[in-house]
């Protein structure tokens, strides 16, 4: 099985887009926003987004449903 690939996110880049190739659902076109803490620039929160009703949105919903069904609860 091929390893998933994605375009590199440049350090310090606050926002952008890249394509992630998932082995089950294929290409995911992802947007991202990077939020850094002013007192600790080594810490970052990266939020990924997809456009509503896009093929990437559908693929992520499929993965979320699959994870919900297969992961143990409690």
N, C-alpha and C. Protein backbone atom coordinates (compact mmCIF):
# COMPACT_ATOMS: atom_id res chain seq x y z
N UNK A 1 0.85 -1.18 0.00
CA UNK A 1 0.00 0.00 0.00
C UNK A 1 0.89 1.24 0.00
N UNK A 2 0.56 2.20 -0.83
CA UNK A 2 1.30 3.46 -0.87
C UNK A 2 1.03 4.30 0.35
N UNK A 3 2.07 4.97 0.81
CA UNK A 3 1.91 5.88 1.95
C UNK A 3 1.15 7.13 1.51
N UNK A 4 0.31 7.68 2.39
CA UNK A 4 -0.38 8.94 2.06
C UNK A 4 0.65 10.05 1.81
N UNK A 5 0.34 10.93 0.88
CA UNK A 5 1.24 12.03 0.60
C UNK A 5 0.47 13.34 0.68
N UNK A 6 1.19 14.39 0.99
CA UNK A 6 0.59 15.71 1.00
C UNK A 6 1.66 16.73 0.71
N UNK A 7 1.25 17.86 0.21
CA UNK A 7 2.17 18.95 -0.04
C UNK A 7 2.67 19.47 1.30
N UNK A 8 3.93 19.83 1.37
CA UNK A 8 4.45 20.31 2.65
C UNK A 8 3.83 21.64 3.05
N UNK A 9 3.60 21.79 4.34
CA UNK A 9 3.14 23.07 4.88
C UNK A 9 4.39 23.79 5.36
N UNK A 10 4.63 24.97 4.85
CA UNK A 10 5.83 25.71 5.19
C UNK A 10 5.74 26.24 6.62
N UNK A 11 6.82 26.09 7.40
CA UNK A 11 6.81 26.66 8.76
C UNK A 11 6.51 28.16 8.70
N UNK A 12 5.66 28.59 9.60
CA UNK A 12 5.29 30.00 9.64
C UNK A 12 4.16 30.37 8.70
N UNK A 13 3.77 29.46 7.83
CA UNK A 13 2.66 29.73 6.91
C UNK A 13 1.36 29.69 7.72
N UNK A 14 0.61 30.79 7.71
CA UNK A 14 -0.58 30.91 8.55
C UNK A 14 -1.80 30.23 7.96
N UNK A 15 -1.90 30.16 6.65
CA UNK A 15 -3.06 29.54 6.02
C UNK A 15 -2.69 29.07 4.63
N UNK A 16 -3.54 28.21 4.09
CA UNK A 16 -3.29 27.72 2.74
C UNK A 16 -4.15 26.52 2.43
N UNK A 17 -3.76 25.81 1.37
CA UNK A 17 -4.47 24.62 0.91
C UNK A 17 -3.44 23.57 0.52
N UNK A 18 -3.84 22.32 0.64
CA UNK A 18 -3.02 21.24 0.11
C UNK A 18 -3.91 20.03 -0.16
N UNK A 19 -3.38 19.10 -0.92
CA UNK A 19 -4.10 17.87 -1.25
C UNK A 19 -3.44 16.72 -0.51
N UNK A 20 -4.24 15.97 0.22
CA UNK A 20 -3.81 14.79 0.95
C UNK A 20 -4.39 13.58 0.23
N UNK A 21 -3.57 12.60 -0.05
CA UNK A 21 -4.05 11.38 -0.72
C UNK A 21 -4.24 10.28 0.32
N UNK A 22 -5.48 10.01 0.67
CA UNK A 22 -5.82 8.99 1.67
C UNK A 22 -5.94 7.64 0.97
N UNK A 23 -5.42 6.56 1.58
CA UNK A 23 -5.43 5.26 0.90
C UNK A 23 -6.83 4.67 0.69
N UNK A 24 -7.84 5.12 1.43
CA UNK A 24 -9.18 4.56 1.29
C UNK A 24 -10.08 5.47 0.44
N UNK A 25 -10.11 6.76 0.74
CA UNK A 25 -11.06 7.67 0.07
C UNK A 25 -10.43 8.52 -1.03
N UNK A 26 -9.14 8.43 -1.21
CA UNK A 26 -8.49 9.19 -2.29
C UNK A 26 -8.12 10.61 -1.88
N UNK A 27 -8.17 11.52 -2.84
CA UNK A 27 -7.71 12.89 -2.62
C UNK A 27 -8.66 13.70 -1.74
N UNK A 28 -8.07 14.39 -0.78
CA UNK A 28 -8.80 15.33 0.07
C UNK A 28 -8.18 16.70 -0.15
N UNK A 29 -8.98 17.64 -0.62
CA UNK A 29 -8.52 19.01 -0.82
C UNK A 29 -8.80 19.77 0.48
N UNK A 30 -7.75 20.05 1.23
CA UNK A 30 -7.89 20.62 2.57
C UNK A 30 -7.38 22.05 2.64
N UNK A 31 -8.13 22.89 3.31
CA UNK A 31 -7.65 24.20 3.68
C UNK A 31 -7.16 24.14 5.11
N UNK A 32 -6.28 25.06 5.49
CA UNK A 32 -5.84 25.08 6.88
C UNK A 32 -5.58 26.50 7.36
N UNK A 33 -5.73 26.67 8.66
CA UNK A 33 -5.42 27.92 9.36
C UNK A 33 -4.55 27.54 10.55
N UNK A 34 -3.45 28.25 10.72
CA UNK A 34 -2.55 28.01 11.85
C UNK A 34 -2.69 29.14 12.86
N UNK A 35 -2.98 28.79 14.10
CA UNK A 35 -3.12 29.77 15.17
C UNK A 35 -1.99 29.54 16.17
N UNK A 36 -1.20 30.58 16.42
CA UNK A 36 -0.07 30.47 17.34
C UNK A 36 -0.32 31.31 18.59
N UNK A 37 0.18 30.82 19.71
CA UNK A 37 0.09 31.56 20.96
C UNK A 37 1.18 32.63 21.00
N UNK A 38 0.85 33.86 21.34
CA UNK A 38 1.87 34.91 21.34
C UNK A 38 2.99 34.67 22.35
N UNK A 39 2.68 33.99 23.46
CA UNK A 39 3.69 33.75 24.49
C UNK A 39 4.51 32.49 24.26
N UNK A 40 4.11 31.66 23.30
CA UNK A 40 4.83 30.42 23.03
C UNK A 40 4.72 30.09 21.54
N UNK A 41 5.58 30.68 20.71
CA UNK A 41 5.48 30.48 19.26
C UNK A 41 5.75 29.04 18.80
N UNK A 42 6.29 28.20 19.70
CA UNK A 42 6.51 26.80 19.33
C UNK A 42 5.24 25.98 19.40
N UNK A 43 4.19 26.52 20.00
CA UNK A 43 2.90 25.84 20.10
C UNK A 43 1.98 26.37 19.00
N UNK A 44 1.26 25.46 18.33
CA UNK A 44 0.34 25.89 17.28
C UNK A 44 -0.88 24.98 17.25
N UNK A 45 -2.00 25.57 16.92
CA UNK A 45 -3.23 24.83 16.67
C UNK A 45 -3.51 24.97 15.18
N UNK A 46 -3.61 23.85 14.48
CA UNK A 46 -3.86 23.88 13.04
C UNK A 46 -5.26 23.31 12.80
N UNK A 47 -6.13 24.13 12.24
CA UNK A 47 -7.50 23.72 11.92
C UNK A 47 -7.59 23.44 10.42
N UNK A 48 -8.06 22.25 10.08
CA UNK A 48 -8.25 21.89 8.68
C UNK A 48 -9.72 22.03 8.31
N UNK A 49 -9.99 22.47 7.10
CA UNK A 49 -11.36 22.67 6.64
C UNK A 49 -11.53 22.11 5.23
N UNK A 50 -12.78 21.84 4.89
CA UNK A 50 -13.14 21.46 3.52
C UNK A 50 -14.40 22.24 3.15
N UNK A 51 -14.61 22.42 1.87
CA UNK A 51 -15.82 23.11 1.41
C UNK A 51 -17.02 22.18 1.57
N UNK A 52 -18.11 22.74 2.06
CA UNK A 52 -19.33 21.98 2.26
C UNK A 52 -19.82 21.40 0.93
N UNK A 53 -20.29 20.16 0.98
CA UNK A 53 -20.83 19.44 -0.18
C UNK A 53 -19.81 19.18 -1.28
N UNK A 54 -18.52 19.30 -0.97
CA UNK A 54 -17.47 18.98 -1.93
C UNK A 54 -17.15 17.48 -1.84
N UNK A 55 -16.44 16.91 -2.82
CA UNK A 55 -16.02 15.52 -2.71
C UNK A 55 -15.17 15.26 -1.45
N UNK A 56 -14.37 16.23 -1.05
CA UNK A 56 -13.56 16.07 0.17
C UNK A 56 -14.45 16.02 1.41
N UNK A 57 -15.50 16.82 1.43
CA UNK A 57 -16.46 16.82 2.54
C UNK A 57 -17.12 15.45 2.64
N UNK A 58 -17.54 14.92 1.52
CA UNK A 58 -18.18 13.60 1.49
C UNK A 58 -17.21 12.52 1.97
N UNK A 59 -15.96 12.60 1.53
CA UNK A 59 -14.95 11.62 1.93
C UNK A 59 -14.68 11.68 3.42
N UNK A 60 -14.59 12.88 3.99
CA UNK A 60 -14.35 13.00 5.43
C UNK A 60 -15.53 12.48 6.24
N UNK A 61 -16.75 12.71 5.75
CA UNK A 61 -17.93 12.19 6.45
C UNK A 61 -17.93 10.66 6.42
N UNK A 62 -17.50 10.08 5.30
CA UNK A 62 -17.39 8.63 5.19
C UNK A 62 -16.37 8.11 6.20
N UNK A 63 -15.21 8.75 6.29
CA UNK A 63 -14.19 8.32 7.25
C UNK A 63 -14.66 8.48 8.69
N UNK A 64 -15.35 9.57 8.99
CA UNK A 64 -15.86 9.79 10.34
C UNK A 64 -16.88 8.72 10.72
N UNK A 65 -17.76 8.37 9.80
CA UNK A 65 -18.74 7.32 10.07
C UNK A 65 -18.08 5.98 10.26
N UNK A 66 -17.09 5.69 9.45
CA UNK A 66 -16.35 4.43 9.55
C UNK A 66 -15.63 4.37 10.90
N UNK A 67 -14.98 5.46 11.31
CA UNK A 67 -14.27 5.48 12.59
C UNK A 67 -15.25 5.29 13.74
N UNK A 68 -16.41 5.93 13.65
CA UNK A 68 -17.43 5.81 14.70
C UNK A 68 -17.88 4.35 14.86
N UNK A 69 -18.00 3.65 13.74
CA UNK A 69 -18.46 2.25 13.77
C UNK A 69 -17.39 1.30 14.26
N UNK A 70 -16.09 1.62 14.03
CA UNK A 70 -15.03 0.66 14.32
C UNK A 70 -14.28 0.92 15.62
N UNK A 71 -14.34 2.14 16.14
CA UNK A 71 -13.60 2.44 17.37
C UNK A 71 -14.40 1.99 18.59
N UNK A 72 -13.69 1.46 19.60
CA UNK A 72 -14.40 1.06 20.81
C UNK A 72 -14.98 2.27 21.55
N UNK A 73 -16.08 2.07 22.23
CA UNK A 73 -16.70 3.14 22.99
C UNK A 73 -16.54 2.87 24.48
N UNK A 74 -16.57 3.94 25.26
CA UNK A 74 -16.55 3.84 26.72
C UNK A 74 -15.22 3.53 27.21
